[in-house]
Protein backbone atom coordinates (compact mmCIF):
# COMPACT_ATOMS: atom_id res chain seq x y z
CA MET A 1 39.19 -10.93 -37.06
CA THR A 2 39.08 -10.34 -33.32
CA GLN A 3 39.06 -6.93 -31.68
CA ARG A 4 42.65 -7.56 -30.54
CA GLU A 5 43.73 -8.30 -34.15
CA ASP A 6 41.86 -5.21 -35.39
CA LEU A 7 43.70 -3.08 -32.83
CA SER A 8 47.02 -4.67 -33.83
CA THR A 9 46.33 -3.85 -37.49
CA VAL A 10 45.51 -0.22 -36.64
CA MET A 11 48.71 0.06 -34.60
CA ASP A 12 50.70 -1.37 -37.51
CA GLN A 13 49.09 1.13 -39.90
CA LEU A 14 50.00 4.04 -37.62
CA SER A 15 53.56 2.75 -37.21
CA ILE A 16 54.03 2.32 -40.95
CA ASP A 17 52.62 5.79 -41.59
CA ALA A 18 55.14 7.21 -39.10
CA VAL A 19 57.99 5.51 -41.01
CA ILE A 20 56.84 7.03 -44.32
CA THR A 21 56.51 10.48 -42.73
CA GLY A 22 59.94 10.02 -41.14
CA TYR A 23 61.35 9.24 -44.57
CA ALA A 24 60.08 12.53 -46.02
CA ARG A 25 61.31 14.51 -43.03
CA ALA A 26 64.77 12.89 -43.12
CA VAL A 27 65.25 13.67 -46.82
CA ASP A 28 63.92 17.22 -46.51
CA ASP A 29 66.00 17.99 -43.40
CA GLY A 30 69.15 16.23 -44.61
CA ALA A 31 69.02 13.93 -41.57
CA TRP A 32 70.96 11.08 -43.17
CA THR A 33 71.52 9.12 -39.96
CA ASP A 34 67.75 9.17 -39.43
CA TYR A 35 67.25 8.16 -43.08
CA ARG A 36 69.49 5.10 -42.72
CA ALA A 37 67.77 4.11 -39.45
CA LEU A 38 64.43 3.81 -41.30
CA PHE A 39 65.73 0.87 -43.37
CA THR A 40 66.29 -2.79 -42.65
CA ALA A 41 69.92 -3.91 -42.58
CA ASP A 42 69.58 -5.05 -46.21
CA GLY A 43 67.38 -2.10 -47.24
CA ARG A 44 67.68 -0.64 -50.73
CA ALA A 45 66.59 2.54 -52.49
CA ASP A 46 66.05 3.16 -56.20
CA TYR A 47 66.00 6.75 -57.46
CA ARG A 48 66.93 5.96 -61.08
CA SER A 49 63.66 7.21 -62.59
CA ALA A 50 64.43 10.65 -61.14
CA GLY A 51 68.00 10.66 -62.49
CA GLY A 52 69.54 9.13 -59.38
CA VAL A 53 71.10 5.89 -58.25
CA GLU A 54 70.02 2.48 -56.95
CA GLY A 55 71.68 0.47 -54.21
CA PRO A 56 71.96 -0.26 -50.51
CA ALA A 57 70.37 2.43 -48.34
CA ASP A 58 73.73 3.33 -46.75
CA GLU A 59 75.30 4.01 -50.15
CA VAL A 60 72.24 5.83 -51.47
CA SER A 61 72.14 8.05 -48.37
CA GLN A 62 75.71 9.14 -49.13
CA TRP A 63 74.69 10.01 -52.68
CA LEU A 64 71.63 11.89 -51.38
CA ALA A 65 73.73 13.81 -48.84
CA LYS A 66 76.00 15.03 -51.63
CA THR A 67 73.26 15.69 -54.20
CA MET A 68 70.80 17.40 -51.87
CA ARG A 69 73.38 20.05 -50.97
CA LEU A 70 72.46 21.56 -54.35
CA PHE A 71 68.90 22.02 -53.07
CA PRO A 72 68.89 23.67 -49.64
CA VAL A 73 65.14 24.20 -49.87
CA ARG A 74 63.06 21.07 -50.43
CA GLN A 75 59.77 19.80 -49.13
CA HIS A 76 58.31 16.37 -49.83
CA LEU A 77 54.59 15.99 -49.65
CA ILE A 78 53.78 12.27 -49.58
CA VAL A 79 50.05 11.82 -50.12
CA ASN A 80 47.35 9.38 -51.25
CA ARG A 81 48.97 6.56 -49.28
CA ARG A 82 47.62 3.12 -50.08
CA LEU A 83 48.75 0.64 -47.47
CA GLY A 84 48.51 -3.12 -47.65
CA ILE A 85 49.65 -5.31 -44.78
CA GLN A 86 50.29 -8.99 -45.37
CA ASP A 87 47.18 -10.96 -44.41
CA LEU A 88 47.72 -14.25 -42.58
CA ASP A 89 44.20 -15.66 -42.44
CA GLY A 90 42.81 -12.47 -40.94
CA ARG A 91 45.85 -11.61 -38.85
CA PRO A 92 48.44 -9.00 -39.83
CA GLY A 93 51.73 -10.38 -41.07
CA ASP A 94 55.26 -9.00 -41.03
CA ARG A 95 55.34 -7.46 -44.51
CA ALA A 96 53.64 -4.39 -45.95
CA GLU A 97 53.55 -2.34 -49.13
CA VAL A 98 52.76 1.35 -49.43
CA LEU A 99 52.05 3.10 -52.72
CA ALA A 100 52.13 6.85 -52.22
CA ASP A 101 52.12 9.84 -54.53
CA TYR A 102 54.55 12.67 -53.95
CA LEU A 103 54.98 16.32 -54.80
CA ASN A 104 58.47 17.70 -54.33
CA PRO A 105 59.25 21.41 -54.76
CA MET A 106 62.97 22.26 -54.54
CA ARG A 107 65.09 25.41 -54.79
CA LEU A 108 68.65 25.39 -56.07
CA GLU A 109 71.50 26.80 -54.00
CA GLY A 110 71.53 30.58 -54.35
CA GLY A 111 67.93 30.55 -55.57
CA GLY A 112 66.76 33.16 -53.09
CA GLY A 113 66.96 33.36 -49.36
CA GLY A 114 64.80 33.62 -46.34
CA THR A 115 61.26 32.62 -45.74
CA GLY A 116 57.98 34.44 -45.86
CA ALA A 117 55.81 36.24 -48.37
CA GLY A 118 58.66 37.86 -50.31
CA THR A 119 60.56 34.64 -50.96
CA ARG A 120 61.00 33.42 -54.53
CA ALA A 121 59.22 30.23 -55.59
CA PRO A 122 61.10 26.93 -55.93
CA ASP A 123 63.12 26.41 -59.08
CA PHE A 124 61.30 23.23 -59.99
CA VAL A 125 58.73 20.76 -58.80
CA SER A 126 58.50 17.06 -59.50
CA GLY A 127 55.81 14.52 -58.83
CA GLY A 128 55.39 10.81 -58.99
CA ARG A 129 54.82 7.72 -56.93
CA TYR A 130 56.80 5.88 -54.29
CA THR A 131 56.57 2.15 -53.76
CA PHE A 132 57.73 1.18 -50.29
CA THR A 133 58.03 -2.38 -49.07
CA LEU A 134 58.39 -2.72 -45.32
CA SER A 135 59.21 -5.48 -42.87
CA ARG A 136 58.42 -5.80 -39.20
CA THR A 137 61.70 -6.02 -37.25
CA GLU A 138 62.60 -6.20 -33.57
CA SER A 139 62.94 -2.38 -33.74
CA GLY A 140 59.54 -1.92 -35.39
CA TRP A 141 58.56 -1.44 -39.03
CA ARG A 142 61.45 -0.62 -41.37
CA ILE A 143 61.75 0.06 -45.09
CA ARG A 144 63.06 -2.89 -47.04
CA THR A 145 62.89 -1.12 -50.42
CA VAL A 146 61.82 2.23 -51.75
CA THR A 147 61.43 2.86 -55.47
CA VAL A 148 60.75 6.27 -56.95
CA ASP A 149 58.67 6.51 -60.11
CA GLU A 150 59.01 10.14 -61.18
CA LYS A 151 56.09 10.92 -63.49
CA TRP A 152 56.72 14.61 -64.24
CA ARG A 153 59.03 17.55 -63.57
CA GLY A 154 58.65 21.21 -64.38
CA THR A 155 59.72 24.70 -63.44
CA ALA A 156 57.76 26.33 -60.68
CA GLY A 157 58.15 30.01 -61.58
CA PRO A 158 55.32 32.33 -62.55
CA ARG A 159 53.74 31.79 -65.94
CA ALA A 160 52.63 34.49 -68.34
CA VAL A 161 48.92 34.66 -68.94
CA GLY A 162 48.16 34.79 -72.63
């Protein structure tokens, strides 16, 4: 691989990472126009393992907009990202896959207000793994599919020590 190809690969990695971070921010902030803009025209999302829906990103964003109103406080942490870019004989291709773990604390509507030290903990936390497939488009890297594999869910309140 040449230095130019190495630099191109690094730029692709940074661009893909920005898309994944943008995904978390859009969901957490309820920025559904931004969410839809992260996907290819035929992009799809699958939230079935977390009790949600599967379908075209536009339709799923409408479902998310309605559902997430129940959770005014939410914060995705997308970590342990494993990124693979299509390899075309040592040159980066136009497809990529990202496997990334997530931790997602959420608070139900009316679950306590404000921010700061006196604020009540989230009502529940879930964790699992995302699988993103991405394609290079004229507008940059975009999500072609995202699949959620929720592995666990639990309450986040204080626990009694025995």
